[in-house]
C-alpha atoms as a PDB file:
ATOM      1  CA  MET A   1      13.108  15.153  -0.287  1.00  0.00           C
ATOM      2  CA  THR A   2      11.153  12.080   0.769  1.00  0.00           C
ATOM      3  CA  ALA A   3       8.815  10.540  -1.789  1.00  0.00           C
ATOM      4  CA  ARG A   4       5.097  11.169  -1.481  1.00  0.00           C
ATOM      5  CA  TYR A   5       2.655   8.433  -2.549  1.00  0.00           C
ATOM      6  CA  ILE A   6      -0.894   7.157  -2.103  1.00  0.00           C
ATOM      7  CA  ALA A   7      -1.504   3.587  -0.910  1.00  0.00           C
ATOM      8  CA  ILE A   8      -4.912   1.998  -1.485  1.00  0.00           C
ATOM      9  CA  ASP A   9      -6.448  -1.249  -0.257  1.00  0.00           C
ATOM     10  CA  TRP A  10      -9.531  -1.623  -2.448  1.00  0.00           C
ATOM     11  CA  GLY A  11     -11.534  -4.629  -1.377  1.00  0.00           C
ATOM     12  CA  SER A  12     -14.871  -5.977  -2.499  1.00  0.00           C
ATOM     13  CA  THR A  13     -16.873  -3.992   0.083  1.00  0.00           C
ATOM     14  CA  ASN A  14     -14.612  -1.127   1.199  1.00  0.00           C
ATOM     15  CA  LEU A  15     -11.808   1.113   0.025  1.00  0.00           C
ATOM     16  CA  ARG A  16      -9.119   2.400   2.363  1.00  0.00           C
ATOM     17  CA  ALA A  17      -6.577   5.026   1.288  1.00  0.00           C
ATOM     18  CA  TRP A  18      -3.502   6.530   2.924  1.00  0.00           C
ATOM     19  CA  LEU A  19      -1.382   9.491   1.894  1.00  0.00           C
ATOM     20  CA  TYR A  20       2.281   8.978   2.776  1.00  0.00           C
ATOM     21  CA  GLN A  21       5.341  11.181   2.783  1.00  0.00           C
ATOM     22  CA  GLY A  22       8.170   8.660   3.061  1.00  0.00           C
ATOM     23  CA  ASP A  23       7.290   6.373   5.971  1.00  0.00           C
ATOM     24  CA  LYS A  24       4.922   8.875   7.632  1.00  0.00           C
ATOM     25  CA  CYS A  25       1.152   8.632   7.088  1.00  0.00           C
ATOM     26  CA  LEU A  26      -0.160  12.167   6.616  1.00  0.00           C
ATOM     27  CA  GLU A  27      -3.851  11.350   6.232  1.00  0.00           C
ATOM     28  CA  SER A  28      -6.212   8.411   5.731  1.00  0.00           C
ATOM     29  CA  ARG A  29      -9.667   8.038   4.239  1.00  0.00           C
ATOM     30  CA  GLN A  30     -12.162   5.248   3.688  1.00  0.00           C
ATOM     31  CA  SER A  31     -15.198   4.592   1.555  1.00  0.00           C
ATOM     32  CA  GLU A  32     -17.873   1.915   1.343  1.00  0.00           C
ATOM     33  CA  ALA A  33     -17.367   1.897  -2.454  1.00  0.00           C
ATOM     34  CA  GLY A  34     -15.700  -1.495  -2.726  1.00  0.00           C
ATOM     35  CA  VAL A  35     -15.369  -3.022  -6.194  1.00  0.00           C
ATOM     36  CA  THR A  36     -18.739  -4.766  -5.799  1.00  0.00           C
ATOM     37  CA  ARG A  37     -20.411  -1.615  -4.398  1.00  0.00           C
ATOM     38  CA  LEU A  38     -19.646   1.117  -6.925  1.00  0.00           C
ATOM     39  CA  ASN A  39     -23.364   1.986  -7.290  1.00  0.00           C
ATOM     40  CA  GLY A  40     -23.061   3.050 -10.920  1.00  0.00           C
ATOM     41  CA  LYS A  41     -19.861   5.065 -10.477  1.00  0.00           C
ATOM     42  CA  SER A  42     -16.749   4.238 -12.454  1.00  0.00           C
ATOM     43  CA  PRO A  43     -13.647   3.109 -10.536  1.00  0.00           C
ATOM     44  CA  ASP A  44     -11.882   6.232 -11.834  1.00  0.00           C
ATOM     45  CA  ALA A  45     -14.610   8.477 -10.366  1.00  0.00           C
ATOM     46  CA  VAL A  46     -14.441   6.730  -6.984  1.00  0.00           C
ATOM     47  CA  LEU A  47     -10.646   7.015  -6.942  1.00  0.00           C
ATOM     48  CA  ALA A  48     -10.830  10.727  -7.780  1.00  0.00           C
ATOM     49  CA  GLU A  49     -13.421  11.268  -5.040  1.00  0.00           C
ATOM     50  CA  VAL A  50     -11.424   9.465  -2.352  1.00  0.00           C
ATOM     51  CA  THR A  51      -8.100  11.078  -3.270  1.00  0.00           C
ATOM     52  CA  THR A  52      -9.376  14.650  -3.729  1.00  0.00           C
ATOM     53  CA  HIS A  53      -6.597  17.168  -2.993  1.00  0.00           C
ATOM     54  CA  TRP A  54      -4.016  14.351  -2.705  1.00  0.00           C
ATOM     55  CA  ARG A  55      -3.273  13.585  -6.347  1.00  0.00           C
ATOM     56  CA  ASP A  56      -1.079  15.403  -8.786  1.00  0.00           C
ATOM     57  CA  SER A  57       0.923  14.208 -11.767  1.00  0.00           C
ATOM     58  CA  ALA A  58       3.973  13.429  -9.598  1.00  0.00           C
ATOM     59  CA  THR A  59       2.238  11.408  -6.853  1.00  0.00           C
ATOM     60  CA  PRO A  60       2.129   7.671  -7.588  1.00  0.00           C
ATOM     61  CA  VAL A  61      -0.861   5.573  -6.535  1.00  0.00           C
ATOM     62  CA  ILE A  62      -0.239   1.989  -5.415  1.00  0.00           C
ATOM     63  CA  MET A  63      -3.332  -0.250  -5.229  1.00  0.00           C
ATOM     64  CA  ALA A  64      -3.849  -3.729  -3.831  1.00  0.00           C
ATOM     65  CA  GLY A  65      -6.792  -5.976  -3.067  1.00  0.00           C
ATOM     66  CA  MET A  66      -9.849  -6.916  -5.101  1.00  0.00           C
ATOM     67  CA  ILE A  67      -9.297  -3.977  -7.448  1.00  0.00           C
ATOM     68  CA  GLY A  68      -6.881  -6.267  -9.307  1.00  0.00           C
ATOM     69  CA  SER A  69      -9.373  -9.145  -9.571  1.00  0.00           C
ATOM     70  CA  ASN A  70     -11.692 -10.045 -12.428  1.00  0.00           C
ATOM     71  CA  VAL A  71     -14.439  -7.922 -10.797  1.00  0.00           C
ATOM     72  CA  GLY A  72     -12.075  -5.001 -10.216  1.00  0.00           C
ATOM     73  CA  TRP A  73     -10.662  -2.343 -12.462  1.00  0.00           C
END
């Protein structure tokens, strides 16, 4: 079985997410909730919203971008 994972590029103004099964992208989503545009929501709430129906306890999430900065999560 090929590994399933979620890849996220979370910038300062936008968030882009992809659901992969191995090297195949199954679905993609985007949001204007960048780390400087959360509008009162927590990063965890935004992540849950964007990855609805993708996440389970066995699916890893890999994040890059401004989410790892001092203004990120």
